[in-house]
């Protein structure tokens, strides 16, 4: 694939519940012709075994390029590596907190830090509930730094018929933030009729 920043996306998967979001982000990249650069955290490997029947090899095969989480010398650790930005799906509270502190201990958080310093979109699909005040303050700090906090909340107006459709809608709306138009997304006023006369 051509060395074109418009054709690359860094996809991080942390250990939070919801590994399916990251897997569908990888599927979407392939369908959209976007070169995916995957970083899978160590905790994500554990979540993968609990939530799916896929192996790490299966997930790695979904990405165009796989970077080891301990390889801080990888291409995505440098600001000179051009990309559309980075999505972490799902994003654990620990991962989000490490990014906010600027003290990064793995390639996952280093790549996110680089994304911020280069003023590229960083989308964090934070998975936790309820949030305590420390979580909320960390999210405010990240938003002030330029990140987008995008928890994967269901869009019931899209009338999802399955968990898979709910996942696709959340992932697709997150990809909108990179100006990527993924077909499974149902859009208000386009695929869905707006309510008329409501209040």
Foldseek 3Di string as FASTA:
>chain_A
DDLDQLQEEEEEEEQFAFSVLSLVLLVQSVVQNHQYEYEYDPNVQVNCVVPHPDHPVRSCVSHNHYDYFAPCVDPLLDLVRHHQAYEYGAAELVLLQCLLVVPDDTNRSSSNVSRLVNLHEYEHQYDDPDDDPVSVVSVVSVVVSPYHYQHLDFDCLVVDPDVVLSSVQSSQVSVVVSVGHGPSHQDDPPNGDDDPPDD
